[in-house]
PDB file of N, CA and C in Angstrom:
ATOM      1  N   UNK A   1       0.852  -1.170   0.000  1.00  0.00           N
ATOM      2  CA  UNK A   1       0.000   0.000   0.000  1.00  0.00           C
ATOM      3  C   UNK A   1       0.892   1.226   0.000  1.00  0.00           C
ATOM      4  N   UNK A   2       0.631   2.118  -0.919  1.00  0.00           N
ATOM      5  CA  UNK A   2       1.537   3.253  -1.095  1.00  0.00           C
ATOM      6  C   UNK A   2       1.502   4.246   0.065  1.00  0.00           C
ATOM      7  N   UNK A   3       0.372   4.330   0.808  1.00  0.00           N
ATOM      8  CA  UNK A   3       0.290   5.261   1.934  1.00  0.00           C
ATOM      9  C   UNK A   3       0.946   4.712   3.194  1.00  0.00           C
ATOM     10  N   UNK A   4       1.323   3.451   3.168  1.00  0.00           N
ATOM     11  CA  UNK A   4       1.912   2.818   4.344  1.00  0.00           C
ATOM     12  C   UNK A   4       3.041   1.899   3.894  1.00  0.00           C
ATOM     13  N   UNK A   5       4.258   2.410   3.827  1.00  0.00           N
ATOM     14  CA  UNK A   5       5.368   1.525   3.464  1.00  0.00           C
ATOM     15  C   UNK A   5       5.419   0.338   4.427  1.00  0.00           C
ATOM     16  N   UNK A   6       5.527  -0.841   3.871  1.00  0.00           N
ATOM     17  CA  UNK A   6       5.543  -2.035   4.699  1.00  0.00           C
ATOM     18  C   UNK A   6       4.154  -2.544   5.035  1.00  0.00           C
ATOM     19  N   UNK A   7       3.123  -1.864   4.527  1.00  0.00           N
ATOM     20  CA  UNK A   7       1.753  -2.313   4.760  1.00  0.00           C
ATOM     21  C   UNK A   7       1.396  -3.428   3.783  1.00  0.00           C
ATOM     22  N   UNK A   8       0.325  -4.106   4.084  1.00  0.00           N
ATOM     23  CA  UNK A   8      -0.107  -5.222   3.250  1.00  0.00           C
ATOM     24  C   UNK A   8      -1.549  -5.032   2.806  1.00  0.00           C
ATOM     25  N   UNK A   9      -1.806  -5.359   1.544  1.00  0.00           N
ATOM     26  CA  UNK A   9      -3.156  -5.321   0.986  1.00  0.00           C
ATOM     27  C   UNK A   9      -3.996  -6.442   1.600  1.00  0.00           C
ATOM     28  N   UNK A  10      -5.322  -6.286   1.589  1.00  0.00           N
ATOM     29  CA  UNK A  10      -6.178  -7.393   2.037  1.00  0.00           C
ATOM     30  C   UNK A  10      -5.956  -8.628   1.170  1.00  0.00           C
ATOM     31  N   UNK A  11      -6.112  -9.792   1.784  1.00  0.00           N
ATOM     32  CA  UNK A  11      -5.940 -11.061   1.077  1.00  0.00           C
ATOM     33  C   UNK A  11      -7.301 -11.767   1.041  1.00  0.00           C
ATOM     34  N   UNK A  12      -7.782 -12.120  -0.164  1.00  0.00           N
ATOM     35  CA  UNK A  12      -9.080 -12.798  -0.242  1.00  0.00           C
ATOM     36  C   UNK A  12      -9.062 -14.141   0.485  1.00  0.00           C
ATOM     37  N   UNK A  13     -10.114 -14.393   1.266  1.00  0.00           N
ATOM     38  CA  UNK A  13     -10.303 -15.675   1.934  1.00  0.00           C
ATOM     39  C   UNK A  13     -11.441 -16.423   1.246  1.00  0.00           C
ATOM     40  N   UNK A  14     -12.536 -15.707   0.998  1.00  0.00           N
ATOM     41  CA  UNK A  14     -13.703 -16.308   0.367  1.00  0.00           C
ATOM     42  C   UNK A  14     -14.338 -15.281  -0.569  1.00  0.00           C
ATOM     43  N   UNK A  15     -14.272 -15.552  -1.886  1.00  0.00           N
ATOM     44  CA  UNK A  15     -14.830 -14.631  -2.883  1.00  0.00           C
ATOM     45  C   UNK A  15     -15.612 -15.415  -3.938  1.00  0.00           C
ATOM     46  N   UNK A  16     -16.744 -16.017  -3.530  1.00  0.00           N
ATOM     47  CA  UNK A  16     -17.518 -16.790  -4.503  1.00  0.00           C
ATOM     48  C   UNK A  16     -18.052 -15.912  -5.621  1.00  0.00           C
ATOM     49  N   UNK A  17     -18.263 -16.532  -6.778  1.00  0.00           N
ATOM     50  CA  UNK A  17     -18.823 -15.817  -7.918  1.00  0.00           C
ATOM     51  C   UNK A  17     -20.336 -15.725  -7.768  1.00  0.00           C
ATOM     52  N   UNK A  18     -20.916 -14.624  -8.249  1.00  0.00           N
ATOM     53  CA  UNK A  18     -22.379 -14.511  -8.221  1.00  0.00           C
ATOM     54  C   UNK A  18     -23.011 -15.563  -9.127  1.00  0.00           C
ATOM     55  N   UNK A  19     -24.205 -16.032  -8.759  1.00  0.00           N
ATOM     56  CA  UNK A  19     -24.885 -16.998  -9.626  1.00  0.00           C
ATOM     57  C   UNK A  19     -25.308 -16.330 -10.932  1.00  0.00           C
ATOM     58  N   UNK A  20     -25.140 -17.033 -12.007  1.00  0.00           N
ATOM     59  CA  UNK A  20     -25.549 -16.520 -13.324  1.00  0.00           C
ATOM     60  C   UNK A  20     -26.679 -17.412 -13.781  1.00  0.00           C
ATOM     61  N   UNK A  21     -27.886 -17.009 -13.485  1.00  0.00           N
ATOM     62  CA  UNK A  21     -29.053 -17.866 -13.659  1.00  0.00           C
ATOM     63  C   UNK A  21     -29.407 -18.100 -15.123  1.00  0.00           C
ATOM     64  N   UNK A  22     -30.158 -19.161 -15.337  1.00  0.00           N
ATOM     65  CA  UNK A  22     -30.660 -19.462 -16.681  1.00  0.00           C
ATOM     66  C   UNK A  22     -31.531 -18.329 -17.196  1.00  0.00           C
ATOM     67  N   UNK A  23     -32.280 -17.680 -16.297  1.00  0.00           N
ATOM     68  CA  UNK A  23     -33.137 -16.563 -16.706  1.00  0.00           C
ATOM     69  C   UNK A  23     -32.302 -15.428 -17.282  1.00  0.00           C
ATOM     70  N   UNK A  24     -31.183 -15.109 -16.638  1.00  0.00           N
ATOM     71  CA  UNK A  24     -30.313 -14.029 -17.140  1.00  0.00           C
ATOM     72  C   UNK A  24     -29.756 -14.420 -18.508  1.00  0.00           C
ATOM     73  N   UNK A  25     -29.369 -15.680 -18.651  1.00  0.00           N
ATOM     74  CA  UNK A  25     -28.843 -16.142 -19.939  1.00  0.00           C
ATOM     75  C   UNK A  25     -29.920 -16.058 -21.009  1.00  0.00           C
ATOM     76  N   UNK A  26     -31.149 -16.459 -20.671  1.00  0.00           N
ATOM     77  CA  UNK A  26     -32.243 -16.403 -21.642  1.00  0.00           C
ATOM     78  C   UNK A  26     -32.527 -14.969 -22.087  1.00  0.00           C
ATOM     79  N   UNK A  27     -32.306 -14.022 -21.190  1.00  0.00           N
ATOM     80  CA  UNK A  27     -32.514 -12.612 -21.524  1.00  0.00           C
ATOM     81  C   UNK A  27     -31.258 -11.966 -22.103  1.00  0.00           C
ATOM     82  N   UNK A  28     -30.239 -12.770 -22.377  1.00  0.00           N
ATOM     83  CA  UNK A  28     -28.972 -12.314 -22.966  1.00  0.00           C
ATOM     84  C   UNK A  28     -28.266 -11.251 -22.134  1.00  0.00           C
ATOM     85  N   UNK A  29     -28.472 -11.290 -20.819  1.00  0.00           N
ATOM     86  CA  UNK A  29     -27.783 -10.346 -19.946  1.00  0.00           C
ATOM     87  C   UNK A  29     -26.331 -10.780 -19.828  1.00  0.00           C
ATOM     88  N   UNK A  30     -25.436  -9.897 -20.211  1.00  0.00           N
ATOM     89  CA  UNK A  30     -24.016 -10.177 -20.084  1.00  0.00           C
ATOM     90  C   UNK A  30     -23.267  -8.867 -19.991  1.00  0.00           C
ATOM     91  N   UNK A  31     -22.016  -8.954 -19.623  1.00  0.00           N
ATOM     92  CA  UNK A  31     -21.174  -7.771 -19.494  1.00  0.00           C
ATOM     93  C   UNK A  31     -20.423  -7.789 -18.183  1.00  0.00           C
ATOM     94  N   UNK A  32     -19.905  -6.632 -17.820  1.00  0.00           N
ATOM     95  CA  UNK A  32     -19.055  -6.505 -16.641  1.00  0.00           C
ATOM     96  C   UNK A  32     -19.702  -5.560 -15.635  1.00  0.00           C
ATOM     97  N   UNK A  33     -19.767  -6.000 -14.377  1.00  0.00           N
ATOM     98  CA  UNK A  33     -20.215  -5.155 -13.279  1.00  0.00           C
ATOM     99  C   UNK A  33     -18.966  -4.698 -12.533  1.00  0.00           C
ATOM    100  N   UNK A  34     -18.789  -3.391 -12.432  1.00  0.00           N
ATOM    101  CA  UNK A  34     -17.631  -2.816 -11.752  1.00  0.00           C
ATOM    102  C   UNK A  34     -18.107  -2.146 -10.475  1.00  0.00           C
ATOM    103  N   UNK A  35     -17.528  -2.562  -9.340  1.00  0.00           N
ATOM    104  CA  UNK A  35     -17.902  -2.040  -8.028  1.00  0.00           C
ATOM    105  C   UNK A  35     -16.694  -1.478  -7.309  1.00  0.00           C
ATOM    106  N   UNK A  36     -16.954  -0.544  -6.408  1.00  0.00           N
ATOM    107  CA  UNK A  36     -15.918  -0.106  -5.483  1.00  0.00           C
ATOM    108  C   UNK A  36     -16.480  -0.240  -4.073  1.00  0.00           C
ATOM    109  N   UNK A  37     -15.592  -0.441  -3.114  1.00  0.00           N
ATOM    110  CA  UNK A  37     -16.027  -0.618  -1.740  1.00  0.00           C
ATOM    111  C   UNK A  37     -14.856  -0.563  -0.785  1.00  0.00           C
ATOM    112  N   UNK A  38     -15.093  -1.044   0.427  1.00  0.00           N
ATOM    113  CA  UNK A  38     -14.083  -1.010   1.485  1.00  0.00           C
ATOM    114  C   UNK A  38     -13.969  -2.395   2.103  1.00  0.00           C
ATOM    115  N   UNK A  39     -12.739  -2.863   2.302  1.00  0.00           N
ATOM    116  CA  UNK A  39     -12.497  -4.033   3.140  1.00  0.00           C
ATOM    117  C   UNK A  39     -12.252  -3.479   4.541  1.00  0.00           C
ATOM    118  N   UNK A  40     -13.120  -3.863   5.463  1.00  0.00           N
ATOM    119  CA  UNK A  40     -13.047  -3.360   6.838  1.00  0.00           C
ATOM    120  C   UNK A  40     -11.957  -4.075   7.631  1.00  0.00           C
ATOM    121  N   UNK A  41     -11.692  -3.594   8.840  1.00  0.00           N
ATOM    122  CA  UNK A  41     -10.629  -4.178   9.658  1.00  0.00           C
ATOM    123  C   UNK A  41     -10.968  -5.587  10.130  1.00  0.00           C
ATOM    124  N   UNK A  42     -12.248  -5.968  10.037  1.00  0.00           N
ATOM    125  CA  UNK A  42     -12.622  -7.344  10.391  1.00  0.00           C
ATOM    126  C   UNK A  42     -12.695  -8.254   9.169  1.00  0.00           C
ATOM    127  N   UNK A  43     -12.337  -7.725   7.982  1.00  0.00           N
ATOM    128  CA  UNK A  43     -12.310  -8.528   6.761  1.00  0.00           C
ATOM    129  C   UNK A  43     -13.612  -8.569   5.993  1.00  0.00           C
ATOM    130  N   UNK A  44     -14.645  -7.883   6.493  1.00  0.00           N
ATOM    131  CA  UNK A  44     -15.911  -7.823   5.768  1.00  0.00           C
ATOM    132  C   UNK A  44     -15.855  -6.704   4.725  1.00  0.00           C
ATOM    133  N   UNK A  45     -16.830  -6.711   3.829  1.00  0.00           N
ATOM    134  CA  UNK A  45     -16.913  -5.709   2.764  1.00  0.00           C
ATOM    135  C   UNK A  45     -18.044  -4.743   3.088  1.00  0.00           C
ATOM    136  N   UNK A  46     -17.795  -3.445   2.895  1.00  0.00           N
ATOM    137  CA  UNK A  46     -18.828  -2.434   3.144  1.00  0.00           C
ATOM    138  C   UNK A  46     -18.739  -1.336   2.095  1.00  0.00           C
ATOM    139  N   UNK A  47     -19.662  -0.405   2.191  1.00  0.00           N
ATOM    140  CA  UNK A  47     -19.675   0.802   1.358  1.00  0.00           C
ATOM    141  C   UNK A  47     -19.580   0.502  -0.137  1.00  0.00           C
ATOM    142  N   UNK A  48     -20.290  -0.526  -0.583  1.00  0.00           N
ATOM    143  CA  UNK A  48     -20.254  -0.874  -2.008  1.00  0.00           C
ATOM    144  C   UNK A  48     -21.039   0.143  -2.830  1.00  0.00           C
ATOM    145  N   UNK A  49     -20.468   0.516  -3.944  1.00  0.00           N
ATOM    146  CA  UNK A  49     -21.186   1.350  -4.901  1.00  0.00           C
ATOM    147  C   UNK A  49     -20.873   0.854  -6.313  1.00  0.00           C
ATOM    148  N   UNK A  50     -21.835   1.064  -7.185  1.00  0.00           N
ATOM    149  CA  UNK A  50     -21.714   0.594  -8.557  1.00  0.00           C
ATOM    150  C   UNK A  50     -21.010   1.658  -9.387  1.00  0.00           C
ATOM    151  N   UNK A  51     -19.962   1.258 -10.075  1.00  0.00           N
ATOM    152  CA  UNK A  51     -19.248   2.155 -10.979  1.00  0.00           C
ATOM    153  C   UNK A  51     -19.799   1.994 -12.395  1.00  0.00           C
ATOM    154  N   UNK A  52     -20.070   0.712 -12.777  1.00  0.00           N
ATOM    155  CA  UNK A  52     -20.557   0.417 -14.127  1.00  0.00           C
ATOM    156  C   UNK A  52     -21.297  -0.911 -14.084  1.00  0.00           C
ATOM    157  N   UNK A  53     -22.407  -0.974 -14.835  1.00  0.00           N
ATOM    158  CA  UNK A  53     -23.131  -2.235 -14.932  1.00  0.00           C
ATOM    159  C   UNK A  53     -24.003  -2.243 -16.178  1.00  0.00           C
ATOM    160  N   UNK A  54     -24.066  -3.397 -16.859  1.00  0.00           N
ATOM    161  CA  UNK A  54     -24.865  -3.486 -18.070  1.00  0.00           C
ATOM    162  C   UNK A  54     -26.335  -3.844 -17.815  1.00  0.00           C
ATOM    163  N   UNK A  55     -26.660  -4.283 -16.568  1.00  0.00           N
ATOM    164  CA  UNK A  55     -27.997  -4.820 -16.329  1.00  0.00           C
ATOM    165  C   UNK A  55     -28.326  -4.723 -14.837  1.00  0.00           C
ATOM    166  N   UNK A  56     -29.496  -4.184 -14.490  1.00  0.00           N
ATOM    167  CA  UNK A  56     -29.845  -4.046 -13.065  1.00  0.00           C
ATOM    168  C   UNK A  56     -29.881  -5.373 -12.306  1.00  0.00           C
ATOM    169  N   UNK A  57     -30.319  -6.434 -12.939  1.00  0.00           N
ATOM    170  CA  UNK A  57     -30.394  -7.726 -12.257  1.00  0.00           C
ATOM    171  C   UNK A  57     -28.994  -8.291 -11.998  1.00  0.00           C
ATOM    172  N   UNK A  58     -28.079  -8.114 -12.950  1.00  0.00           N
ATOM    173  CA  UNK A  58     -26.697  -8.547 -12.720  1.00  0.00           C
ATOM    174  C   UNK A  58     -26.070  -7.728 -11.594  1.00  0.00           C
ATOM    175  N   UNK A  59     -26.399  -6.450 -11.540  1.00  0.00           N
ATOM    176  CA  UNK A  59     -25.899  -5.588 -10.467  1.00  0.00           C
ATOM    177  C   UNK A  59     -26.358  -6.119  -9.118  1.00  0.00           C
ATOM    178  N   UNK A  60     -27.646  -6.419  -9.018  1.00  0.00           N
ATOM    179  CA  UNK A  60     -28.206  -6.922  -7.759  1.00  0.00           C
ATOM    180  C   UNK A  60     -27.513  -8.219  -7.330  1.00  0.00           C
ATOM    181  N   UNK A  61     -27.363  -9.159  -8.256  1.00  0.00           N
ATOM    182  CA  UNK A  61     -26.695 -10.427  -7.944  1.00  0.00           C
ATOM    183  C   UNK A  61     -25.260 -10.201  -7.475  1.00  0.00           C
ATOM    184  N   UNK A  62     -24.564  -9.304  -8.157  1.00  0.00           N
ATOM    185  CA  UNK A  62     -23.161  -9.047  -7.829  1.00  0.00           C
ATOM    186  C   UNK A  62     -23.021  -8.405  -6.457  1.00  0.00           C
ATOM    187  N   UNK A  63     -23.823  -7.388  -6.177  1.00  0.00           N
ATOM    188  CA  UNK A  63     -23.751  -6.699  -4.880  1.00  0.00           C
ATOM    189  C   UNK A  63     -24.075  -7.675  -3.749  1.00  0.00           C
ATOM    190  N   UNK A  64     -25.126  -8.474  -3.907  1.00  0.00           N
ATOM    191  CA  UNK A  64     -25.490  -9.451  -2.872  1.00  0.00           C
ATOM    192  C   UNK A  64     -24.345 -10.418  -2.596  1.00  0.00           C
ATOM    193  N   UNK A  65     -23.659 -10.830  -3.635  1.00  0.00           N
ATOM    194  CA  UNK A  65     -22.560 -11.789  -3.466  1.00  0.00           C
ATOM    195  C   UNK A  65     -21.319 -11.130  -2.890  1.00  0.00           C
ATOM    196  N   UNK A  66     -20.924  -9.966  -3.403  1.00  0.00           N
ATOM    197  CA  UNK A  66     -19.696  -9.310  -2.941  1.00  0.00           C
ATOM    198  C   UNK A  66     -19.808  -8.918  -1.467  1.00  0.00           C
ATOM    199  N   UNK A  67     -21.010  -8.597  -1.008  1.00  0.00           N
ATOM    200  CA  UNK A  67     -21.194  -8.286   0.423  1.00  0.00           C
ATOM    201  C   UNK A  67     -20.842  -9.477   1.311  1.00  0.00           C
ATOM    202  N   UNK A  68     -20.866 -10.679   0.764  1.00  0.00           N
ATOM    203  CA  UNK A  68     -20.542 -11.895   1.527  1.00  0.00           C
ATOM    204  C   UNK A  68     -19.052 -12.250   1.458  1.00  0.00           C
ATOM    205  N   UNK A  69     -18.289 -11.565   0.618  1.00  0.00           N
ATOM    206  CA  UNK A  69     -16.863 -11.860   0.497  1.00  0.00           C
ATOM    207  C   UNK A  69     -16.165 -11.589   1.828  1.00  0.00           C
ATOM    208  N   UNK A  70     -15.105 -12.344   2.081  1.00  0.00           N
ATOM    209  CA  UNK A  70     -14.318 -12.161   3.294  1.00  0.00           C
ATOM    210  C   UNK A  70     -12.834 -12.112   2.936  1.00  0.00           C
ATOM    211  N   UNK A  71     -12.107 -11.275   3.684  1.00  0.00           N
ATOM    212  CA  UNK A  71     -10.685 -11.051   3.458  1.00  0.00           C
ATOM    213  C   UNK A  71      -9.923 -11.141   4.765  1.00  0.00           C
ATOM    214  N   UNK A  72      -8.646 -11.454   4.655  1.00  0.00           N
ATOM    215  CA  UNK A  72      -7.714 -11.167   5.741  1.00  0.00           C
ATOM    216  C   UNK A  72      -7.455  -9.679   5.568  1.00  0.00           C
ATOM    217  N   UNK A  73      -7.713  -8.855   6.596  1.00  0.00           N
ATOM    218  CA  UNK A  73      -7.651  -7.402   6.404  1.00  0.00           C
ATOM    219  C   UNK A  73      -6.265  -6.895   6.002  1.00  0.00           C
ATOM    220  N   UNK A  74      -6.273  -5.747   5.349  1.00  0.00           N
ATOM    221  CA  UNK A  74      -5.023  -5.063   5.057  1.00  0.00           C
ATOM    222  C   UNK A  74      -4.422  -4.541   6.354  1.00  0.00           C
ATOM    223  N   UNK A  75      -3.121  -4.335   6.356  1.00  0.00           N
ATOM    224  CA  UNK A  75      -2.467  -3.843   7.573  1.00  0.00           C
ATOM    225  C   UNK A  75      -1.544  -2.678   7.256  1.00  0.00           C
ATOM    226  N   UNK A  76      -1.334  -1.875   8.274  1.00  0.00           N
ATOM    227  CA  UNK A  76      -0.349  -0.794   8.233  1.00  0.00           C
ATOM    228  C   UNK A  76       0.378  -0.825   9.579  1.00  0.00           C
ATOM    229  N   UNK A  77       1.681  -0.972   9.529  1.00  0.00           N
ATOM    230  CA  UNK A  77       2.483  -1.080  10.751  1.00  0.00           C
ATOM    231  C   UNK A  77       1.971  -2.190  11.671  1.00  0.00           C
ATOM    232  N   UNK A  78       1.503  -3.282  11.060  1.00  0.00           N
ATOM    233  CA  UNK A  78       1.057  -4.436  11.827  1.00  0.00           C
ATOM    234  C   UNK A  78      -0.375  -4.370  12.338  1.00  0.00           C
ATOM    235  N   UNK A  79      -1.053  -3.253  12.136  1.00  0.00           N
ATOM    236  CA  UNK A  79      -2.444  -3.117  12.609  1.00  0.00           C
ATOM    237  C   UNK A  79      -3.402  -3.174  11.427  1.00  0.00           C
ATOM    238  N   UNK A  80      -4.579  -3.801  11.611  1.00  0.00           N
ATOM    239  CA  UNK A  80      -5.555  -3.844  10.524  1.00  0.00           C
ATOM    240  C   UNK A  80      -6.072  -2.441  10.200  1.00  0.00           C
ATOM    241  N   UNK A  81      -6.288  -2.210   8.911  1.00  0.00           N
ATOM    242  CA  UNK A  81      -6.796  -0.916   8.448  1.00  0.00           C
ATOM    243  C   UNK A  81      -7.883  -1.132   7.389  1.00  0.00           C
ATOM    244  N   UNK A  82      -8.736  -0.138   7.242  1.00  0.00           N
ATOM    245  CA  UNK A  82      -9.730  -0.148   6.162  1.00  0.00           C
ATOM    246  C   UNK A  82      -8.993   0.110   4.844  1.00  0.00           C
ATOM    247  N   UNK A  83      -9.383  -0.626   3.810  1.00  0.00           N
ATOM    248  CA  UNK A  83      -8.737  -0.466   2.507  1.00  0.00           C
ATOM    249  C   UNK A  83      -9.817  -0.371   1.432  1.00  0.00           C
ATOM    250  N   UNK A  84      -9.734   0.679   0.633  1.00  0.00           N
ATOM    251  CA  UNK A  84     -10.645   0.822  -0.503  1.00  0.00           C
ATOM    252  C   UNK A  84     -10.206  -0.114  -1.617  1.00  0.00           C
ATOM    253  N   UNK A  85     -11.176  -0.656  -2.337  1.00  0.00           N
ATOM    254  CA  UNK A  85     -10.848  -1.560  -3.435  1.00  0.00           C
ATOM    255  C   UNK A  85     -11.857  -1.404  -4.560  1.00  0.00           C
ATOM    256  N   UNK A  86     -11.466  -1.861  -5.731  1.00  0.00           N
ATOM    257  CA  UNK A  86     -12.367  -1.961  -6.879  1.00  0.00           C
ATOM    258  C   UNK A  86     -12.316  -3.405  -7.354  1.00  0.00           C
ATOM    259  N   UNK A  87     -13.449  -3.890  -7.822  1.00  0.00           N
ATOM    260  CA  UNK A  87     -13.503  -5.240  -8.359  1.00  0.00           C
ATOM    261  C   UNK A  87     -14.471  -5.277  -9.534  1.00  0.00           C
ATOM    262  N   UNK A  88     -14.231  -6.201 -10.428  1.00  0.00           N
ATOM    263  CA  UNK A  88     -15.159  -6.380 -11.536  1.00  0.00           C
ATOM    264  C   UNK A  88     -15.553  -7.849 -11.623  1.00  0.00           C
ATOM    265  N   UNK A  89     -16.799  -8.059 -12.001  1.00  0.00           N
ATOM    266  CA  UNK A  89     -17.314  -9.408 -12.206  1.00  0.00           C
ATOM    267  C   UNK A  89     -17.880  -9.447 -13.610  1.00  0.00           C
ATOM    268  N   UNK A  90     -17.391 -10.403 -14.386  1.00  0.00           N
ATOM    269  CA  UNK A  90     -17.824 -10.526 -15.792  1.00  0.00           C
ATOM    270  C   UNK A  90     -18.833 -11.649 -15.947  1.00  0.00           C
ATOM    271  N   UNK A  91     -19.869 -11.349 -16.695  1.00  0.00           N
ATOM    272  CA  UNK A  91     -20.897 -12.326 -17.033  1.00  0.00           C
ATOM    273  C   UNK A  91     -20.888 -12.514 -18.535  1.00  0.00           C
ATOM    274  N   UNK A  92     -20.862 -13.765 -18.955  1.00  0.00           N
ATOM    275  CA  UNK A  92     -20.803 -14.078 -20.379  1.00  0.00           C
ATOM    276  C   UNK A  92     -21.774 -15.222 -20.671  1.00  0.00           C
ATOM    277  N   UNK A  93     -22.401 -15.188 -21.828  1.00  0.00           N
ATOM    278  CA  UNK A  93     -23.358 -16.231 -22.186  1.00  0.00           C
ATOM    279  C   UNK A  93     -22.695 -17.598 -22.285  1.00  0.00           C
ATOM    280  N   UNK A  94     -21.390 -17.648 -22.510  1.00  0.00           N
ATOM    281  CA  UNK A  94     -20.718 -18.940 -22.607  1.00  0.00           C
ATOM    282  C   UNK A  94     -20.100 -19.378 -21.273  1.00  0.00           C
ATOM    283  N   UNK A  95     -20.557 -18.804 -20.159  1.00  0.00           N
ATOM    284  CA  UNK A  95     -20.091 -19.227 -18.833  1.00  0.00           C
ATOM    285  C   UNK A  95     -20.679 -20.561 -18.505  1.00  0.00           C
TER     286      UNK A  95
END
């Protein structure tokens, strides 16, 4: 982390992919959902906001899933710290 020399970024522990239902495939919903948020000091995800999304239903699925992600928190000088992050989830008809 550039603001904390010797600091460490959060490490993913559990980051399941959102379900891509048959209904979404039938409606040809595909594309990339881009989110930003915070990994908290307890490793949970908070403050999610949508940066880009091709479909409201894909957005909903992605947000619901990313809120369940868990991390080993980022650290600065050995102490856990909140870390902002961006992530993208891609949905494709050939998934």
